[in-house]
Amino acid sequence: MRNISVLSYKMTMADASNPSGIIPVGRQFDFWGDAETELMILNDGDESLCLGYTNVEIYDDIYVGDQMDFKATLVKVGNTSRTCKVQSFKVATLKSRIDKNCTNKDEMHYFEEPELVGGGTVVLVVKKHLQRGRQPDGLVIDPWKEYKGGK
């Protein structure tokens, strides 16, 4: 059973709702939902219904340009319910955000360890008649193999 799903994403101006470049907290829920959905599809063969989030904590802002990992971890499996821990990690940020002397506005600063910027718990439901069991992990070793002459 696959217990973790991680969605990596670089935040863009399309994710921001104001000129300051701060990403609204609600946008994290969108990405957590995507990571949860992938996890449920791989474990049950179907999407889930979200019953709700609890213990949500936001530790830091996310900005346009930040490289993020959104993680869903399956922590409890019931008859139809699935409990997941969701987390947001900042992997990199614009160097100019942490070093005011930086002149290259596109240069990135990668953290040695991803920084936890938010998290919580979510309960999901996969109706019994929709549960089809564990699915293939979805990994494709070489999707272009047939176009390379089978090499």
C-alpha atoms as a PDB file:
ATOM      1  CA  MET A   1       0.000   0.000   0.000  1.00  0.00           C
ATOM      2  CA  ARG A   2       1.304   3.421  -0.905  1.00  0.00           C
ATOM      3  CA  ASN A   3       1.178   5.674   2.161  1.00  0.00           C
ATOM      4  CA  ILE A   4       2.625   8.954   0.871  1.00  0.00           C
ATOM      5  CA  SER A   5       1.919  11.249  -2.044  1.00  0.00           C
ATOM      6  CA  VAL A   6       3.988  14.360  -2.782  1.00  0.00           C
ATOM      7  CA  LEU A   7       3.105  17.073  -5.262  1.00  0.00           C
ATOM      8  CA  SER A   8       5.947  19.442  -6.230  1.00  0.00           C
ATOM      9  CA  TYR A   9       5.042  22.857  -7.590  1.00  0.00           C
ATOM     10  CA  LYS A  10       6.629  26.270  -8.185  1.00  0.00           C
ATOM     11  CA  MET A  11       4.245  29.051  -7.168  1.00  0.00           C
ATOM     12  CA  THR A  12       3.365  31.527  -9.932  1.00  0.00           C
ATOM     13  CA  MET A  13       1.558  34.876 -10.173  1.00  0.00           C
ATOM     14  CA  ALA A  14      -1.554  32.892 -11.120  1.00  0.00           C
ATOM     15  CA  ASP A  15      -1.529  31.490  -7.553  1.00  0.00           C
ATOM     16  CA  ALA A  16      -1.285  34.920  -5.896  1.00  0.00           C
ATOM     17  CA  SER A  17      -4.281  37.108  -5.129  1.00  0.00           C
ATOM     18  CA  ASN A  18      -2.457  40.369  -4.496  1.00  0.00           C
ATOM     19  CA  PRO A  19       0.496  42.365  -5.866  1.00  0.00           C
ATOM     20  CA  SER A  20       2.684  41.547  -2.837  1.00  0.00           C
ATOM     21  CA  GLY A  21       3.181  38.023  -4.174  1.00  0.00           C
ATOM     22  CA  ILE A  22       1.864  36.291  -1.052  1.00  0.00           C
ATOM     23  CA  ILE A  23      -0.060  33.117  -1.850  1.00  0.00           C
ATOM     24  CA  PRO A  24      -3.425  32.880  -0.058  1.00  0.00           C
ATOM     25  CA  VAL A  25      -3.606  30.180   2.604  1.00  0.00           C
ATOM     26  CA  GLY A  26      -6.580  28.617   0.833  1.00  0.00           C
ATOM     27  CA  ARG A  27      -4.336  27.749  -2.110  1.00  0.00           C
ATOM     28  CA  GLN A  28      -2.521  25.251   0.146  1.00  0.00           C
ATOM     29  CA  PHE A  29      -5.809  23.392   0.575  1.00  0.00           C
ATOM     30  CA  ASP A  30      -6.062  23.067  -3.223  1.00  0.00           C
ATOM     31  CA  PHE A  31      -2.653  21.394  -3.393  1.00  0.00           C
ATOM     32  CA  TRP A  32      -3.292  19.215  -0.339  1.00  0.00           C
ATOM     33  CA  GLY A  33      -6.501  18.096  -2.036  1.00  0.00           C
ATOM     34  CA  ASP A  34      -4.569  17.106  -5.163  1.00  0.00           C
ATOM     35  CA  ALA A  35      -2.032  15.094  -3.117  1.00  0.00           C
ATOM     36  CA  GLU A  36      -4.864  13.410  -1.151  1.00  0.00           C
ATOM     37  CA  THR A  37      -6.727  12.546  -4.356  1.00  0.00           C
ATOM     38  CA  GLU A  38      -3.654  10.869  -5.847  1.00  0.00           C
ATOM     39  CA  LEU A  39      -3.176   8.866  -2.661  1.00  0.00           C
ATOM     40  CA  MET A  40      -6.807   7.705  -2.597  1.00  0.00           C
ATOM     41  CA  ILE A  41      -6.790   6.746  -6.281  1.00  0.00           C
ATOM     42  CA  LEU A  42      -3.648   4.653  -5.820  1.00  0.00           C
ATOM     43  CA  ASN A  43      -4.948   2.973  -2.650  1.00  0.00           C
ATOM     44  CA  ASP A  44      -8.648   2.570  -3.411  1.00  0.00           C
ATOM     45  CA  GLY A  45      -8.979   3.104  -7.143  1.00  0.00           C
ATOM     46  CA  ASP A  46     -11.303   6.061  -6.664  1.00  0.00           C
ATOM     47  CA  GLU A  47     -11.363   9.670  -5.565  1.00  0.00           C
ATOM     48  CA  SER A  48     -12.590  10.505  -2.095  1.00  0.00           C
ATOM     49  CA  LEU A  49     -15.006  12.869  -0.417  1.00  0.00           C
ATOM     50  CA  CYS A  50     -13.473  15.250   2.110  1.00  0.00           C
ATOM     51  CA  LEU A  51     -15.189  15.263   5.492  1.00  0.00           C
ATOM     52  CA  GLY A  52     -13.028  18.082   6.820  1.00  0.00           C
ATOM     53  CA  TYR A  53      -9.714  19.322   8.114  1.00  0.00           C
ATOM     54  CA  THR A  54      -8.625  19.575  11.741  1.00  0.00           C
ATOM     55  CA  ASN A  55      -5.577  20.911  13.569  1.00  0.00           C
ATOM     56  CA  VAL A  56      -4.559  23.099  10.610  1.00  0.00           C
ATOM     57  CA  GLU A  57      -1.568  25.293  11.410  1.00  0.00           C
ATOM     58  CA  ILE A  58       0.187  27.790   9.145  1.00  0.00           C
ATOM     59  CA  TYR A  59       3.753  28.610  10.169  1.00  0.00           C
ATOM     60  CA  ASP A  60       5.008  30.862   7.370  1.00  0.00           C
ATOM     61  CA  ASP A  61       3.902  32.675   4.218  1.00  0.00           C
ATOM     62  CA  ILE A  62       4.337  31.235   0.744  1.00  0.00           C
ATOM     63  CA  TYR A  63       5.360  33.607  -2.068  1.00  0.00           C
ATOM     64  CA  VAL A  64       5.362  33.658  -5.842  1.00  0.00           C
ATOM     65  CA  GLY A  65       8.548  31.875  -6.945  1.00  0.00           C
ATOM     66  CA  ASP A  66       8.699  29.504  -3.980  1.00  0.00           C
ATOM     67  CA  GLN A  67       9.299  25.847  -4.845  1.00  0.00           C
ATOM     68  CA  MET A  68       6.918  23.776  -2.738  1.00  0.00           C
ATOM     69  CA  ASP A  69       6.238  20.150  -1.866  1.00  0.00           C
ATOM     70  CA  PHE A  70       2.701  19.325  -0.749  1.00  0.00           C
ATOM     71  CA  LYS A  71       2.576  16.001   1.059  1.00  0.00           C
ATOM     72  CA  ALA A  72      -0.303  13.718   2.073  1.00  0.00           C
ATOM     73  CA  THR A  73       0.482  10.770   4.355  1.00  0.00           C
ATOM     74  CA  LEU A  74      -2.072   8.040   5.046  1.00  0.00           C
ATOM     75  CA  VAL A  75      -2.118   7.486   8.820  1.00  0.00           C
ATOM     76  CA  LYS A  76      -5.330   5.517   9.446  1.00  0.00           C
ATOM     77  CA  VAL A  77      -7.573   3.323   7.317  1.00  0.00           C
ATOM     78  CA  GLY A  78     -11.129   2.595   8.418  1.00  0.00           C
ATOM     79  CA  ASN A  79     -13.974   0.776   6.675  1.00  0.00           C
ATOM     80  CA  THR A  80     -14.661   3.732   4.380  1.00  0.00           C
ATOM     81  CA  SER A  81     -12.727   6.537   6.082  1.00  0.00           C
ATOM     82  CA  ARG A  82      -9.128   7.454   5.447  1.00  0.00           C
ATOM     83  CA  THR A  83      -7.220   9.827   7.734  1.00  0.00           C
ATOM     84  CA  CYS A  84      -4.281  11.700   6.235  1.00  0.00           C
ATOM     85  CA  LYS A  85      -1.692  14.072   7.594  1.00  0.00           C
ATOM     86  CA  VAL A  86      -1.143  16.936   5.148  1.00  0.00           C
ATOM     87  CA  GLN A  87       1.935  19.172   5.072  1.00  0.00           C
ATOM     88  CA  SER A  88       3.409  21.994   3.008  1.00  0.00           C
ATOM     89  CA  PHE A  89       7.178  22.250   2.680  1.00  0.00           C
ATOM     90  CA  LYS A  90       9.138  25.133   1.193  1.00  0.00           C
ATOM     91  CA  VAL A  91      12.014  23.591  -0.753  1.00  0.00           C
ATOM     92  CA  ALA A  92      13.440  26.806  -2.234  1.00  0.00           C
ATOM     93  CA  THR A  93      12.710  30.521  -2.352  1.00  0.00           C
ATOM     94  CA  LEU A  94      14.001  33.470  -4.314  1.00  0.00           C
ATOM     95  CA  LYS A  95      17.420  34.369  -2.957  1.00  0.00           C
ATOM     96  CA  SER A  96      16.462  38.062  -2.982  1.00  0.00           C
ATOM     97  CA  ARG A  97      13.783  37.279  -0.369  1.00  0.00           C
ATOM     98  CA  ILE A  98      16.423  36.245   2.185  1.00  0.00           C
ATOM     99  CA  ASP A  99      19.449  38.250   0.941  1.00  0.00           C
ATOM    100  CA  LYS A 100      18.670  41.921   0.267  1.00  0.00           C
ATOM    101  CA  ASN A 101      22.057  42.314  -1.492  1.00  0.00           C
ATOM    102  CA  CYS A 102      21.152  39.749  -4.168  1.00  0.00           C
ATOM    103  CA  THR A 103      21.063  41.392  -7.593  1.00  0.00           C
ATOM    104  CA  ASN A 104      19.805  38.426  -9.629  1.00  0.00           C
ATOM    105  CA  LYS A 105      16.030  38.484  -9.138  1.00  0.00           C
ATOM    106  CA  ASP A 106      15.654  34.918 -10.515  1.00  0.00           C
ATOM    107  CA  GLU A 107      18.350  33.231  -8.400  1.00  0.00           C
ATOM    108  CA  MET A 108      16.983  30.567  -6.057  1.00  0.00           C
ATOM    109  CA  HIS A 109      18.061  29.638  -2.542  1.00  0.00           C
ATOM    110  CA  TYR A 110      17.580  25.914  -1.839  1.00  0.00           C
ATOM    111  CA  PHE A 111      17.167  24.960   1.801  1.00  0.00           C
ATOM    112  CA  GLU A 112      19.322  22.132   3.177  1.00  0.00           C
ATOM    113  CA  GLU A 113      16.150  20.673   4.685  1.00  0.00           C
ATOM    114  CA  PRO A 114      12.714  21.632   3.351  1.00  0.00           C
ATOM    115  CA  GLU A 115      10.964  24.055   5.719  1.00  0.00           C
ATOM    116  CA  LEU A 116       7.564  23.053   7.084  1.00  0.00           C
ATOM    117  CA  VAL A 117       5.213  25.992   6.453  1.00  0.00           C
ATOM    118  CA  GLY A 118       1.828  24.400   7.163  1.00  0.00           C
ATOM    119  CA  GLY A 119       0.027  21.212   8.038  1.00  0.00           C
ATOM    120  CA  GLY A 120      -3.045  19.533   9.422  1.00  0.00           C
ATOM    121  CA  THR A 121      -5.184  16.412   9.400  1.00  0.00           C
ATOM    122  CA  VAL A 122      -7.961  15.515   6.980  1.00  0.00           C
ATOM    123  CA  VAL A 123     -10.565  12.751   7.026  1.00  0.00           C
ATOM    124  CA  LEU A 124     -11.606  11.411   3.626  1.00  0.00           C
ATOM    125  CA  VAL A 125     -14.264   8.883   2.654  1.00  0.00           C
ATOM    126  CA  VAL A 126     -14.151   6.363  -0.180  1.00  0.00           C
ATOM    127  CA  LYS A 127     -17.579   4.739  -0.440  1.00  0.00           C
ATOM    128  CA  LYS A 128     -17.427   0.966  -0.064  1.00  0.00           C
ATOM    129  CA  HIS A 129     -18.936   0.199  -3.487  1.00  0.00           C
ATOM    130  CA  LEU A 130     -16.299   2.410  -5.146  1.00  0.00           C
ATOM    131  CA  GLN A 131     -13.275   0.784  -3.475  1.00  0.00           C
ATOM    132  CA  ARG A 132     -11.433  -1.253  -6.089  1.00  0.00           C
ATOM    133  CA  GLY A 133      -8.272  -1.975  -4.121  1.00  0.00           C
ATOM    134  CA  ARG A 134      -4.658  -1.016  -4.542  1.00  0.00           C
ATOM    135  CA  GLN A 135      -3.816   0.312  -7.988  1.00  0.00           C
ATOM    136  CA  PRO A 136      -0.535   0.178  -9.900  1.00  0.00           C
ATOM    137  CA  ASP A 137       1.785   2.933  -8.701  1.00  0.00           C
ATOM    138  CA  GLY A 138       1.498   4.741 -12.015  1.00  0.00           C
ATOM    139  CA  LEU A 139       5.235   4.799 -12.655  1.00  0.00           C
ATOM    140  CA  VAL A 140       6.185   4.623 -16.316  1.00  0.00           C
ATOM    141  CA  ILE A 141       9.840   3.698 -16.712  1.00  0.00           C
ATOM    142  CA  ASP A 142      10.248   5.206 -20.201  1.00  0.00           C
ATOM    143  CA  PRO A 143       7.094   6.689 -21.724  1.00  0.00           C
ATOM    144  CA  TRP A 144       8.939   7.419 -24.986  1.00  0.00           C
ATOM    145  CA  LYS A 145      10.267   3.872 -25.498  1.00  0.00           C
ATOM    146  CA  GLU A 146       7.966   3.071 -28.430  1.00  0.00           C
ATOM    147  CA  TYR A 147       9.062   6.281 -30.215  1.00  0.00           C
ATOM    148  CA  LYS A 148      12.770   5.462 -29.775  1.00  0.00           C
ATOM    149  CA  GLY A 149      12.466   2.202 -31.632  1.00  0.00           C
ATOM    150  CA  GLY A 150      12.018   0.065 -28.496  1.00  0.00           C
ATOM    151  CA  LYS A 151      15.448   0.891 -27.036  1.00  0.00           C
END
